Amino acid sequence: MITEISKTRKITGWVIAGLLTALFLYSASGKLFLHPEQMEQMKLGDWRIIIALGEITSSLLFLFPKTNRYGTLLLSSYMGGAIIIHMTTGTSIMMPSVVLILVWLVFYLRAPEFFKIK
C-alpha cells in the first residue's frame, strides 16, 4: 500500500535531503582533500579514504527515493560512529545528533508508509 504524499511534504523532503547530501559530500571532500590532518588527530588517518567513500556512497543512496531506505540505514550507522568519536574525543555531540535526527526526519517525510502499522 503506497501512501500519497502531499506536494509540500515532497518538496520539504527533497530540500532537506539535498542539503544533507551536500553536507555529507562536503564532509567527504574535506576528509579526502581539504583537512586530512583532522583524521590523523582522531587516529583515523589510515581509514580516511574508506570513510570518505562510504560517506559519499551513503549520501547518494540517501538522496534518491528508490534507495532512500538503504542510505538512511547507512547514514544512521555513520552518524552513530561520529557520535561515538565525538564522545571519546570530548567534543560536542550536538551536530552529529542533529544531523542524525534530520536524516530520519527526511526518511519519514519521503517514506511515511514505512512507519505504518500493518
PDB file of N, CA and C in Angstrom:
ATOM      1  N   MET A   1       0.834  -1.177   0.000  1.00  0.00           N
ATOM      2  CA  MET A   1       0.000   0.000   0.000  1.00  0.00           C
ATOM      3  C   MET A   1       0.880   1.242   0.000  1.00  0.00           C
ATOM      4  N   ILE A   2       0.721   2.080  -1.005  1.00  0.00           N
ATOM      5  CA  ILE A   2       1.512   3.293  -1.114  1.00  0.00           C
ATOM      6  C   ILE A   2       0.667   4.473  -0.674  1.00  0.00           C
ATOM      7  N   THR A   3       1.213   5.261   0.228  1.00  0.00           N
ATOM      8  CA  THR A   3       0.530   6.442   0.734  1.00  0.00           C
ATOM      9  C   THR A   3       0.873   7.625  -0.164  1.00  0.00           C
ATOM     10  N   GLU A   4      -0.127   8.386  -0.564  1.00  0.00           N
ATOM     11  CA  GLU A   4       0.088   9.576  -1.372  1.00  0.00           C
ATOM     12  C   GLU A   4       0.690  10.673  -0.490  1.00  0.00           C
ATOM     13  N   ILE A   5       1.761  11.277  -0.961  1.00  0.00           N
ATOM     14  CA  ILE A   5       2.469  12.303  -0.199  1.00  0.00           C
ATOM     15  C   ILE A   5       2.108  13.670  -0.778  1.00  0.00           C
ATOM     16  N   SER A   6       1.827  14.632   0.096  1.00  0.00           N
ATOM     17  CA  SER A   6       1.463  15.977  -0.370  1.00  0.00           C
ATOM     18  C   SER A   6       2.653  16.643  -1.054  1.00  0.00           C
ATOM     19  N   LYS A   7       2.346  17.611  -1.900  1.00  0.00           N
ATOM     20  CA  LYS A   7       3.377  18.325  -2.650  1.00  0.00           C
ATOM     21  C   LYS A   7       4.332  19.057  -1.711  1.00  0.00           C
ATOM     22  N   THR A   8       3.800  19.680  -0.677  1.00  0.00           N
ATOM     23  CA  THR A   8       4.629  20.401   0.295  1.00  0.00           C
ATOM     24  C   THR A   8       5.582  19.450   0.997  1.00  0.00           C
ATOM     25  N   ARG A   9       5.073  18.297   1.371  1.00  0.00           N
ATOM     26  CA  ARG A   9       5.892  17.298   2.051  1.00  0.00           C
ATOM     27  C   ARG A   9       7.000  16.786   1.123  1.00  0.00           C
ATOM     28  N   LYS A  10       6.675  16.572  -0.153  1.00  0.00           N
ATOM     29  CA  LYS A  10       7.671  16.130  -1.128  1.00  0.00           C
ATOM     30  C   LYS A  10       8.778  17.165  -1.286  1.00  0.00           C
ATOM     31  N   ILE A  11       8.372  18.409  -1.446  1.00  0.00           N
ATOM     32  CA  ILE A  11       9.350  19.480  -1.647  1.00  0.00           C
ATOM     33  C   ILE A  11      10.232  19.634  -0.408  1.00  0.00           C
ATOM     34  N   THR A  12       9.613  19.602   0.766  1.00  0.00           N
ATOM     35  CA  THR A  12      10.379  19.710   2.008  1.00  0.00           C
ATOM     36  C   THR A  12      11.373  18.563   2.124  1.00  0.00           C
ATOM     37  N   GLY A  13      10.930  17.359   1.819  1.00  0.00           N
ATOM     38  CA  GLY A  13      11.815  16.201   1.865  1.00  0.00           C
ATOM     39  C   GLY A  13      12.988  16.333   0.910  1.00  0.00           C
ATOM     40  N   TRP A  14      12.707  16.785  -0.315  1.00  0.00           N
ATOM     41  CA  TRP A  14      13.779  16.942  -1.302  1.00  0.00           C
ATOM     42  C   TRP A  14      14.766  18.034  -0.891  1.00  0.00           C
ATOM     43  N   VAL A  15      14.256  19.140  -0.369  1.00  0.00           N
ATOM     44  CA  VAL A  15      15.145  20.247   0.020  1.00  0.00           C
ATOM     45  C   VAL A  15      16.070  19.822   1.157  1.00  0.00           C
ATOM     46  N   ILE A  16      15.506  19.225   2.198  1.00  0.00           N
ATOM     47  CA  ILE A  16      16.339  18.799   3.330  1.00  0.00           C
ATOM     48  C   ILE A  16      17.284  17.684   2.898  1.00  0.00           C
ATOM     49  N   ALA A  17      16.810  16.753   2.081  1.00  0.00           N
ATOM     50  CA  ALA A  17      17.672  15.673   1.583  1.00  0.00           C
ATOM     51  C   ALA A  17      18.829  16.250   0.759  1.00  0.00           C
ATOM     52  N   GLY A  18      18.530  17.231  -0.074  1.00  0.00           N
ATOM     53  CA  GLY A  18      19.579  17.872  -0.875  1.00  0.00           C
ATOM     54  C   GLY A  18      20.612  18.577  -0.013  1.00  0.00           C
ATOM     55  N   LEU A  19      20.134  19.282   1.007  1.00  0.00           N
ATOM     56  CA  LEU A  19      21.060  19.977   1.908  1.00  0.00           C
ATOM     57  C   LEU A  19      21.921  18.994   2.694  1.00  0.00           C
ATOM     58  N   LEU A  20      21.305  17.921   3.181  1.00  0.00           N
ATOM     59  CA  LEU A  20      22.074  16.909   3.914  1.00  0.00           C
ATOM     60  C   LEU A  20      23.093  16.227   3.007  1.00  0.00           C
ATOM     61  N   THR A  21      22.690  15.926   1.774  1.00  0.00           N
ATOM     62  CA  THR A  21      23.617  15.305   0.828  1.00  0.00           C
ATOM     63  C   THR A  21      24.792  16.237   0.546  1.00  0.00           C
ATOM     64  N   ALA A  22      24.502  17.517   0.365  1.00  0.00           N
ATOM     65  CA  ALA A  22      25.579  18.493   0.154  1.00  0.00           C
ATOM     66  C   ALA A  22      26.517  18.543   1.368  1.00  0.00           C
ATOM     67  N   LEU A  23      25.949  18.497   2.559  1.00  0.00           N
ATOM     68  CA  LEU A  23      26.758  18.490   3.780  1.00  0.00           C
ATOM     69  C   LEU A  23      27.667  17.268   3.829  1.00  0.00           C
ATOM     70  N   PHE A  24      27.110  16.081   3.531  1.00  0.00           N
ATOM     71  CA  PHE A  24      27.908  14.861   3.564  1.00  0.00           C
ATOM     72  C   PHE A  24      28.976  14.858   2.471  1.00  0.00           C
ATOM     73  N   LEU A  25      28.652  15.356   1.290  1.00  0.00           N
ATOM     74  CA  LEU A  25      29.641  15.407   0.214  1.00  0.00           C
ATOM     75  C   LEU A  25      30.762  16.391   0.544  1.00  0.00           C
ATOM     76  N   TYR A  26      30.421  17.512   1.147  1.00  0.00           N
ATOM     77  CA  TYR A  26      31.438  18.475   1.588  1.00  0.00           C
ATOM     78  C   TYR A  26      32.322  17.848   2.665  1.00  0.00           C
ATOM     79  N   SER A  27      31.702  17.148   3.601  1.00  0.00           N
ATOM     80  CA  SER A  27      32.449  16.479   4.663  1.00  0.00           C
ATOM     81  C   SER A  27      33.404  15.435   4.080  1.00  0.00           C
ATOM     82  N   ALA A  28      32.930  14.675   3.105  1.00  0.00           N
ATOM     83  CA  ALA A  28      33.775  13.655   2.477  1.00  0.00           C
ATOM     84  C   ALA A  28      34.933  14.301   1.717  1.00  0.00           C
ATOM     85  N   SER A  29      34.663  15.416   1.045  1.00  0.00           N
ATOM     86  CA  SER A  29      35.749  16.092   0.320  1.00  0.00           C
ATOM     87  C   SER A  29      36.784  16.637   1.298  1.00  0.00           C
ATOM     88  N   GLY A  30      36.343  17.058   2.477  1.00  0.00           N
ATOM     89  CA  GLY A  30      37.283  17.507   3.493  1.00  0.00           C
ATOM     90  C   GLY A  30      38.184  16.382   3.960  1.00  0.00           C
ATOM     91  N   LYS A  31      37.623  15.199   4.104  1.00  0.00           N
ATOM     92  CA  LYS A  31      38.412  14.035   4.511  1.00  0.00           C
ATOM     93  C   LYS A  31      39.421  13.664   3.426  1.00  0.00           C
ATOM     94  N   LEU A  32      39.021  13.810   2.176  1.00  0.00           N
ATOM     95  CA  LEU A  32      39.888  13.423   1.066  1.00  0.00           C
ATOM     96  C   LEU A  32      40.926  14.485   0.714  1.00  0.00           C
ATOM     97  N   PHE A  33      40.500  15.760   0.674  1.00  0.00           N
ATOM     98  CA  PHE A  33      41.365  16.791   0.102  1.00  0.00           C
ATOM     99  C   PHE A  33      41.673  17.979   1.022  1.00  0.00           C
ATOM    100  N   LEU A  34      40.685  18.454   1.773  1.00  0.00           N
ATOM    101  CA  LEU A  34      40.841  19.728   2.465  1.00  0.00           C
ATOM    102  C   LEU A  34      41.574  19.637   3.798  1.00  0.00           C
ATOM    103  N   HIS A  35      41.143  18.734   4.674  1.00  0.00           N
ATOM    104  CA  HIS A  35      41.708  18.662   6.019  1.00  0.00           C
ATOM    105  C   HIS A  35      41.988  17.224   6.454  1.00  0.00           C
ATOM    106  N   PRO A  36      42.837  16.512   5.732  1.00  0.00           N
ATOM    107  CA  PRO A  36      43.101  15.122   6.126  1.00  0.00           C
ATOM    108  C   PRO A  36      43.790  15.015   7.483  1.00  0.00           C
ATOM    109  N   GLU A  37      44.422  16.103   7.935  1.00  0.00           N
ATOM    110  CA  GLU A  37      45.106  16.073   9.231  1.00  0.00           C
ATOM    111  C   GLU A  37      44.130  15.906  10.400  1.00  0.00           C
ATOM    112  N   GLN A  38      42.884  16.318  10.216  1.00  0.00           N
ATOM    113  CA  GLN A  38      41.885  16.109  11.269  1.00  0.00           C
ATOM    114  C   GLN A  38      41.645  14.628  11.506  1.00  0.00           C
ATOM    115  N   MET A  39      41.680  13.837  10.455  1.00  0.00           N
ATOM    116  CA  MET A  39      41.506  12.393  10.600  1.00  0.00           C
ATOM    117  C   MET A  39      42.720  11.786  11.314  1.00  0.00           C
ATOM    118  N   GLU A  40      43.886  12.344  11.087  1.00  0.00           N
ATOM    119  CA  GLU A  40      45.091  11.881  11.791  1.00  0.00           C
ATOM    120  C   GLU A  40      44.974  12.148  13.286  1.00  0.00           C
ATOM    121  N   GLN A  41      44.443  13.306  13.652  1.00  0.00           N
ATOM    122  CA  GLN A  41      44.285  13.652  15.068  1.00  0.00           C
ATOM    123  C   GLN A  41      43.355  12.680  15.782  1.00  0.00           C
ATOM    124  N   MET A  42      42.365  12.168  15.077  1.00  0.00           N
ATOM    125  CA  MET A  42      41.420  11.224  15.672  1.00  0.00           C
ATOM    126  C   MET A  42      41.890   9.780  15.520  1.00  0.00           C
ATOM    127  N   LYS A  43      43.125   9.594  15.043  1.00  0.00           N
ATOM    128  CA  LYS A  43      43.714   8.264  14.852  1.00  0.00           C
ATOM    129  C   LYS A  43      42.962   7.452  13.790  1.00  0.00           C
ATOM    130  N   LEU A  44      42.381   8.166  12.809  1.00  0.00           N
ATOM    131  CA  LEU A  44      41.653   7.505  11.723  1.00  0.00           C
ATOM    132  C   LEU A  44      42.283   7.787  10.362  1.00  0.00           C
ATOM    133  N   GLY A  45      43.517   8.247  10.363  1.00  0.00           N
ATOM    134  CA  GLY A  45      44.189   8.629   9.123  1.00  0.00           C
ATOM    135  C   GLY A  45      44.278   7.502   8.109  1.00  0.00           C
ATOM    136  N   ASP A  46      44.503   6.282   8.584  1.00  0.00           N
ATOM    137  CA  ASP A  46      44.605   5.144   7.669  1.00  0.00           C
ATOM    138  C   ASP A  46      43.260   4.791   7.042  1.00  0.00           C
ATOM    139  N   TRP A  47      42.186   5.234   7.633  1.00  0.00           N
ATOM    140  CA  TRP A  47      40.842   4.879   7.180  1.00  0.00           C
ATOM    141  C   TRP A  47      40.124   6.023   6.460  1.00  0.00           C
ATOM    142  N   ARG A  48      40.767   7.163   6.316  1.00  0.00           N
ATOM    143  CA  ARG A  48      40.057   8.351   5.823  1.00  0.00           C
ATOM    144  C   ARG A  48      39.479   8.158   4.426  1.00  0.00           C
ATOM    145  N   ILE A  49      40.166   7.468   3.532  1.00  0.00           N
ATOM    146  CA  ILE A  49      39.659   7.275   2.167  1.00  0.00           C
ATOM    147  C   ILE A  49      38.443   6.355   2.187  1.00  0.00           C
ATOM    148  N   ILE A  50      38.514   5.272   2.951  1.00  0.00           N
ATOM    149  CA  ILE A  50      37.385   4.345   3.045  1.00  0.00           C
ATOM    150  C   ILE A  50      36.182   5.035   3.693  1.00  0.00           C
ATOM    151  N   ILE A  51      36.433   5.812   4.743  1.00  0.00           N
ATOM    152  CA  ILE A  51      35.348   6.533   5.412  1.00  0.00           C
ATOM    153  C   ILE A  51      34.715   7.538   4.455  1.00  0.00           C
ATOM    154  N   ALA A  52      35.535   8.273   3.718  1.00  0.00           N
ATOM    155  CA  ALA A  52      35.013   9.277   2.783  1.00  0.00           C
ATOM    156  C   ALA A  52      34.210   8.623   1.656  1.00  0.00           C
ATOM    157  N   LEU A  53      34.708   7.519   1.117  1.00  0.00           N
ATOM    158  CA  LEU A  53      33.962   6.831   0.052  1.00  0.00           C
ATOM    159  C   LEU A  53      32.648   6.256   0.570  1.00  0.00           C
ATOM    160  N   GLY A  54      32.654   5.749   1.785  1.00  0.00           N
ATOM    161  CA  GLY A  54      31.416   5.279   2.410  1.00  0.00           C
ATOM    162  C   GLY A  54      30.427   6.405   2.616  1.00  0.00           C
ATOM    163  N   GLU A  55      30.933   7.560   2.997  1.00  0.00           N
ATOM    164  CA  GLU A  55      30.074   8.732   3.202  1.00  0.00           C
ATOM    165  C   GLU A  55      29.457   9.197   1.881  1.00  0.00           C
ATOM    166  N   ILE A  56      30.246   9.199   0.832  1.00  0.00           N
ATOM    167  CA  ILE A  56      29.741   9.599  -0.488  1.00  0.00           C
ATOM    168  C   ILE A  56      28.670   8.614  -0.964  1.00  0.00           C
ATOM    169  N   THR A  57      28.966   7.335  -0.867  1.00  0.00           N
ATOM    170  CA  THR A  57      28.020   6.303  -1.302  1.00  0.00           C
ATOM    171  C   THR A  57      26.720   6.381  -0.510  1.00  0.00           C
ATOM    172  N   SER A  58      26.837   6.489   0.798  1.00  0.00           N
ATOM    173  CA  SER A  58      25.655   6.548   1.662  1.00  0.00           C
ATOM    174  C   SER A  58      24.806   7.769   1.359  1.00  0.00           C
ATOM    175  N   SER A  59      25.445   8.917   1.169  1.00  0.00           N
ATOM    176  CA  SER A  59      24.678  10.136   0.923  1.00  0.00           C
ATOM    177  C   SER A  59      23.975  10.100  -0.425  1.00  0.00           C
ATOM    178  N   LEU A  60      24.600   9.499  -1.432  1.00  0.00           N
ATOM    179  CA  LEU A  60      23.936   9.381  -2.737  1.00  0.00           C
ATOM    180  C   LEU A  60      22.782   8.386  -2.688  1.00  0.00           C
ATOM    181  N   LEU A  61      22.956   7.297  -1.947  1.00  0.00           N
ATOM    182  CA  LEU A  61      21.841   6.355  -1.763  1.00  0.00           C
ATOM    183  C   LEU A  61      20.691   7.042  -1.025  1.00  0.00           C
ATOM    184  N   PHE A  62      21.017   7.891  -0.088  1.00  0.00           N
ATOM    185  CA  PHE A  62      20.018   8.621   0.694  1.00  0.00           C
ATOM    186  C   PHE A  62      19.239   9.606  -0.170  1.00  0.00           C
ATOM    187  N   LEU A  63      19.893  10.221  -1.134  1.00  0.00           N
ATOM    188  CA  LEU A  63      19.265  11.269  -1.937  1.00  0.00           C
ATOM    189  C   LEU A  63      18.124  10.757  -2.811  1.00  0.00           C
ATOM    190  N   PHE A  64      18.292   9.589  -3.396  1.00  0.00           N
ATOM    191  CA  PHE A  64      17.314   9.104  -4.357  1.00  0.00           C
ATOM    192  C   PHE A  64      16.229   8.265  -3.689  1.00  0.00           C
ATOM    193  N   PRO A  65      14.961   8.518  -4.010  1.00  0.00           N
ATOM    194  CA  PRO A  65      13.845   7.848  -3.325  1.00  0.00           C
ATOM    195  C   PRO A  65      13.882   6.317  -3.364  1.00  0.00           C
ATOM    196  N   LYS A  66      14.308   5.729  -4.461  1.00  0.00           N
ATOM    197  CA  LYS A  66      14.306   4.256  -4.553  1.00  0.00           C
ATOM    198  C   LYS A  66      15.312   3.610  -3.607  1.00  0.00           C
ATOM    199  N   THR A  67      16.378   4.317  -3.283  1.00  0.00           N
ATOM    200  CA  THR A  67      17.418   3.760  -2.409  1.00  0.00           C
ATOM    201  C   THR A  67      17.488   4.489  -1.075  1.00  0.00           C
ATOM    202  N   ASN A  68      16.486   5.323  -0.796  1.00  0.00           N
ATOM    203  CA  ASN A  68      16.482   6.134   0.417  1.00  0.00           C
ATOM    204  C   ASN A  68      16.572   5.293   1.681  1.00  0.00           C
ATOM    205  N   ARG A  69      15.943   4.129   1.695  1.00  0.00           N
ATOM    206  CA  ARG A  69      15.972   3.256   2.882  1.00  0.00           C
ATOM    207  C   ARG A  69      17.397   2.817   3.202  1.00  0.00           C
ATOM    208  N   TYR A  70      18.117   2.417   2.172  1.00  0.00           N
ATOM    209  CA  TYR A  70      19.487   1.947   2.380  1.00  0.00           C
ATOM    210  C   TYR A  70      20.397   3.095   2.816  1.00  0.00           C
ATOM    211  N   GLY A  71      20.214   4.250   2.178  1.00  0.00           N
ATOM    212  CA  GLY A  71      21.006   5.415   2.563  1.00  0.00           C
ATOM    213  C   GLY A  71      20.732   5.844   3.994  1.00  0.00           C
ATOM    214  N   THR A  72      19.456   5.775   4.406  1.00  0.00           N
ATOM    215  CA  THR A  72      19.106   6.131   5.783  1.00  0.00           C
ATOM    216  C   THR A  72      19.776   5.184   6.769  1.00  0.00           C
ATOM    217  N   LEU A  73      19.741   3.905   6.478  1.00  0.00           N
ATOM    218  CA  LEU A  73      20.383   2.924   7.344  1.00  0.00           C
ATOM    219  C   LEU A  73      21.889   3.167   7.430  1.00  0.00           C
ATOM    220  N   LEU A  74      22.527   3.364   6.289  1.00  0.00           N
ATOM    221  CA  LEU A  74      23.974   3.579   6.272  1.00  0.00           C
ATOM    222  C   LEU A  74      24.367   4.897   6.941  1.00  0.00           C
ATOM    223  N   LEU A  75      23.612   5.960   6.675  1.00  0.00           N
ATOM    224  CA  LEU A  75      23.926   7.239   7.313  1.00  0.00           C
ATOM    225  C   LEU A  75      23.667   7.200   8.812  1.00  0.00           C
ATOM    226  N   SER A  76      22.677   6.429   9.241  1.00  0.00           N
ATOM    227  CA  SER A  76      22.432   6.270  10.679  1.00  0.00           C
ATOM    228  C   SER A  76      23.627   5.595  11.344  1.00  0.00           C
ATOM    229  N   SER A  77      24.146   4.581  10.699  1.00  0.00           N
ATOM    230  CA  SER A  77      25.329   3.896  11.228  1.00  0.00           C
ATOM    231  C   SER A  77      26.527   4.832  11.239  1.00  0.00           C
ATOM    232  N   TYR A  78      26.698   5.573  10.151  1.00  0.00           N
ATOM    233  CA  TYR A  78      27.811   6.513  10.044  1.00  0.00           C
ATOM    234  C   TYR A  78      27.732   7.583  11.137  1.00  0.00           C
ATOM    235  N   MET A  79      26.528   8.151  11.314  1.00  0.00           N
ATOM    236  CA  MET A  79      26.371   9.206  12.320  1.00  0.00           C
ATOM    237  C   MET A  79      26.504   8.639  13.739  1.00  0.00           C
ATOM    238  N   GLY A  80      26.095   7.386  13.944  1.00  0.00           N
ATOM    239  CA  GLY A  80      26.309   6.743  15.231  1.00  0.00           C
ATOM    240  C   GLY A  80      27.794   6.655  15.537  1.00  0.00           C
ATOM    241  N   GLY A  81      28.580   6.293  14.537  1.00  0.00           N
ATOM    242  CA  GLY A  81      30.035   6.265  14.702  1.00  0.00           C
ATOM    243  C   GLY A  81      30.603   7.640  14.972  1.00  0.00           C
ATOM    244  N   ALA A  82      30.065   8.648  14.282  1.00  0.00           N
ATOM    245  CA  ALA A  82      30.521  10.021  14.502  1.00  0.00           C
ATOM    246  C   ALA A  82      30.216  10.472  15.933  1.00  0.00           C
ATOM    247  N   ILE A  83      29.047  10.105  16.431  1.00  0.00           N
ATOM    248  CA  ILE A  83      28.688  10.461  17.808  1.00  0.00           C
ATOM    249  C   ILE A  83      29.648   9.799  18.793  1.00  0.00           C
ATOM    250  N   ILE A  84      29.982   8.543  18.560  1.00  0.00           N
ATOM    251  CA  ILE A  84      30.919   7.845  19.453  1.00  0.00           C
ATOM    252  C   ILE A  84      32.302   8.495  19.404  1.00  0.00           C
ATOM    253  N   ILE A  85      32.779   8.841  18.206  1.00  0.00           N
ATOM    254  CA  ILE A  85      34.081   9.513  18.085  1.00  0.00           C
ATOM    255  C   ILE A  85      34.055  10.844  18.827  1.00  0.00           C
ATOM    256  N   HIS A  86      32.965  11.596  18.687  1.00  0.00           N
ATOM    257  CA  HIS A  86      32.851  12.875  19.400  1.00  0.00           C
ATOM    258  C   HIS A  86      32.856  12.662  20.910  1.00  0.00           C
ATOM    259  N   MET A  87      32.190  11.615  21.355  1.00  0.00           N
ATOM    260  CA  MET A  87      32.152  11.337  22.793  1.00  0.00           C
ATOM    261  C   MET A  87      33.535  10.960  23.324  1.00  0.00           C
ATOM    262  N   THR A  88      34.271  10.160  22.577  1.00  0.00           N
ATOM    263  CA  THR A  88      35.580   9.713  23.054  1.00  0.00           C
ATOM    264  C   THR A  88      36.643  10.806  22.977  1.00  0.00           C
ATOM    265  N   THR A  89      36.442  11.792  22.096  1.00  0.00           N
ATOM    266  CA  THR A  89      37.408  12.886  21.997  1.00  0.00           C
ATOM    267  C   THR A  89      37.003  14.092  22.834  1.00  0.00           C
ATOM    268  N   GLY A  90      35.846  14.011  23.480  1.00  0.00           N
ATOM    269  CA  GLY A  90      35.414  15.100  24.359  1.00  0.00           C
ATOM    270  C   GLY A  90      34.833  16.298  23.640  1.00  0.00           C
ATOM    271  N   THR A  91      34.438  16.134  22.379  1.00  0.00           N
ATOM    272  CA  THR A  91      33.797  17.241  21.661  1.00  0.00           C
ATOM    273  C   THR A  91      32.280  17.081  21.724  1.00  0.00           C
ATOM    274  N   SER A  92      31.594  18.140  21.391  1.00  0.00           N
ATOM    275  CA  SER A  92      30.133  18.148  21.491  1.00  0.00           C
ATOM    276  C   SER A  92      29.498  17.165  20.509  1.00  0.00           C
ATOM    277  N   ILE A  93      28.475  16.462  20.984  1.00  0.00           N
ATOM    278  CA  ILE A  93      27.748  15.535  20.106  1.00  0.00           C
ATOM    279  C   ILE A  93      26.508  16.189  19.496  1.00  0.00           C
ATOM    280  N   MET A  94      26.356  17.485  19.696  1.00  0.00           N
ATOM    281  CA  MET A  94      25.166  18.181  19.222  1.00  0.00           C
ATOM    282  C   MET A  94      25.014  18.110  17.698  1.00  0.00           C
ATOM    283  N   MET A  95      26.064  18.443  16.962  1.00  0.00           N
ATOM    284  CA  MET A  95      25.967  18.480  15.498  1.00  0.00           C
ATOM    285  C   MET A  95      25.660  17.104  14.906  1.00  0.00           C
ATOM    286  N   PRO A  96      26.420  16.038  15.233  1.00  0.00           N
ATOM    287  CA  PRO A  96      26.058  14.749  14.639  1.00  0.00           C
ATOM    288  C   PRO A  96      24.681  14.252  15.080  1.00  0.00           C
ATOM    289  N   SER A  97      24.255  14.608  16.280  1.00  0.00           N
ATOM    290  CA  SER A  97      22.932  14.192  16.744  1.00  0.00           C
ATOM    291  C   SER A  97      21.828  14.888  15.951  1.00  0.00           C
ATOM    292  N   VAL A  98      21.991  16.171  15.700  1.00  0.00           N
ATOM    293  CA  VAL A  98      21.003  16.922  14.921  1.00  0.00           C
ATOM    294  C   VAL A  98      20.950  16.388  13.483  1.00  0.00           C
ATOM    295  N   VAL A  99      22.114  16.107  12.913  1.00  0.00           N
ATOM    296  CA  VAL A  99      22.155  15.572  11.548  1.00  0.00           C
ATOM    297  C   VAL A  99      21.461  14.207  11.496  1.00  0.00           C
ATOM    298  N   LEU A 100      21.694  13.369  12.490  1.00  0.00           N
ATOM    299  CA  LEU A 100      21.038  12.060  12.545  1.00  0.00           C
ATOM    300  C   LEU A 100      19.518  12.216  12.634  1.00  0.00           C
ATOM    301  N   ILE A 101      19.049  13.132  13.440  1.00  0.00           N
ATOM    302  CA  ILE A 101      17.608  13.387  13.554  1.00  0.00           C
ATOM    303  C   ILE A 101      17.050  13.868  12.212  1.00  0.00           C
ATOM    304  N   LEU A 102      17.793  14.740  11.521  1.00  0.00           N
ATOM    305  CA  LEU A 102      17.343  15.234  10.221  1.00  0.00           C
ATOM    306  C   LEU A 102      17.293  14.113   9.175  1.00  0.00           C
ATOM    307  N   VAL A 103      18.241  13.193   9.233  1.00  0.00           N
ATOM    308  CA  VAL A 103      18.225  12.047   8.315  1.00  0.00           C
ATOM    309  C   VAL A 103      16.927  11.270   8.488  1.00  0.00           C
ATOM    310  N   TRP A 104      16.563  10.992   9.732  1.00  0.00           N
ATOM    311  CA  TRP A 104      15.335  10.238   9.984  1.00  0.00           C
ATOM    312  C   TRP A 104      14.086  11.069   9.687  1.00  0.00           C
ATOM    313  N   LEU A 105      14.135  12.374   9.883  1.00  0.00           N
ATOM    314  CA  LEU A 105      13.006  13.232   9.535  1.00  0.00           C
ATOM    315  C   LEU A 105      12.753  13.179   8.029  1.00  0.00           C
ATOM    316  N   VAL A 106      13.815  13.257   7.248  1.00  0.00           N
ATOM    317  CA  VAL A 106      13.669  13.173   5.792  1.00  0.00           C
ATOM    318  C   VAL A 106      13.103  11.815   5.393  1.00  0.00           C
ATOM    319  N   PHE A 107      13.595  10.757   6.026  1.00  0.00           N
ATOM    320  CA  PHE A 107      13.071   9.429   5.708  1.00  0.00           C
ATOM    321  C   PHE A 107      11.578   9.360   6.021  1.00  0.00           C
ATOM    322  N   TYR A 108      11.173   9.937   7.135  1.00  0.00           N
ATOM    323  CA  TYR A 108       9.750   9.952   7.494  1.00  0.00           C
ATOM    324  C   TYR A 108       8.943  10.770   6.480  1.00  0.00           C
ATOM    325  N   LEU A 109       9.475  11.905   6.053  1.00  0.00           N
ATOM    326  CA  LEU A 109       8.761  12.742   5.087  1.00  0.00           C
ATOM    327  C   LEU A 109       8.623  12.053   3.730  1.00  0.00           C
ATOM    328  N   ARG A 110       9.654  11.321   3.331  1.00  0.00           N
ATOM    329  CA  ARG A 110       9.670  10.733   1.999  1.00  0.00           C
ATOM    330  C   ARG A 110       9.088   9.329   1.937  1.00  0.00           C
ATOM    331  N   ALA A 111       9.061   8.620   3.053  1.00  0.00           N
ATOM    332  CA  ALA A 111       8.567   7.235   3.060  1.00  0.00           C
ATOM    333  C   ALA A 111       7.671   6.990   4.255  1.00  0.00           C
ATOM    334  N   PRO A 112       6.533   7.687   4.334  1.00  0.00           N
ATOM    335  CA  PRO A 112       5.664   7.520   5.504  1.00  0.00           C
ATOM    336  C   PRO A 112       5.077   6.124   5.624  1.00  0.00           C
ATOM    337  N   GLU A 113       4.969   5.398   4.519  1.00  0.00           N
ATOM    338  CA  GLU A 113       4.397   4.051   4.570  1.00  0.00           C
ATOM    339  C   GLU A 113       5.274   3.097   5.385  1.00  0.00           C
ATOM    340  N   PHE A 114       6.548   3.401   5.513  1.00  0.00           N
ATOM    341  CA  PHE A 114       7.450   2.569   6.304  1.00  0.00           C
ATOM    342  C   PHE A 114       7.047   2.539   7.772  1.00  0.00           C
ATOM    343  N   PHE A 115       6.432   3.632   8.245  1.00  0.00           N
ATOM    344  CA  PHE A 115       6.091   3.756   9.654  1.00  0.00           C
ATOM    345  C   PHE A 115       4.655   3.341   9.959  1.00  0.00           C
ATOM    346  N   LYS A 116       3.909   2.930   8.951  1.00  0.00           N
ATOM    347  CA  LYS A 116       2.527   2.485   9.158  1.00  0.00           C
ATOM    348  C   LYS A 116       2.510   1.097   9.771  1.00  0.00           C
ATOM    349  N   ILE A 117       1.638   0.894  10.739  1.00  0.00           N
ATOM    350  CA  ILE A 117       1.449  -0.433  11.335  1.00  0.00           C
ATOM    351  C   ILE A 117       0.501  -1.204  10.446  1.00  0.00           C
ATOM    352  N   LYS A 118       0.911  -2.391  10.097  1.00  0.00           N
ATOM    353  CA  LYS A 118       0.093  -3.185   9.165  1.00  0.00           C
ATOM    354  C   LYS A 118      -0.776  -4.160   9.881  1.00  0.00           C
TER     355      LYS A 118
END
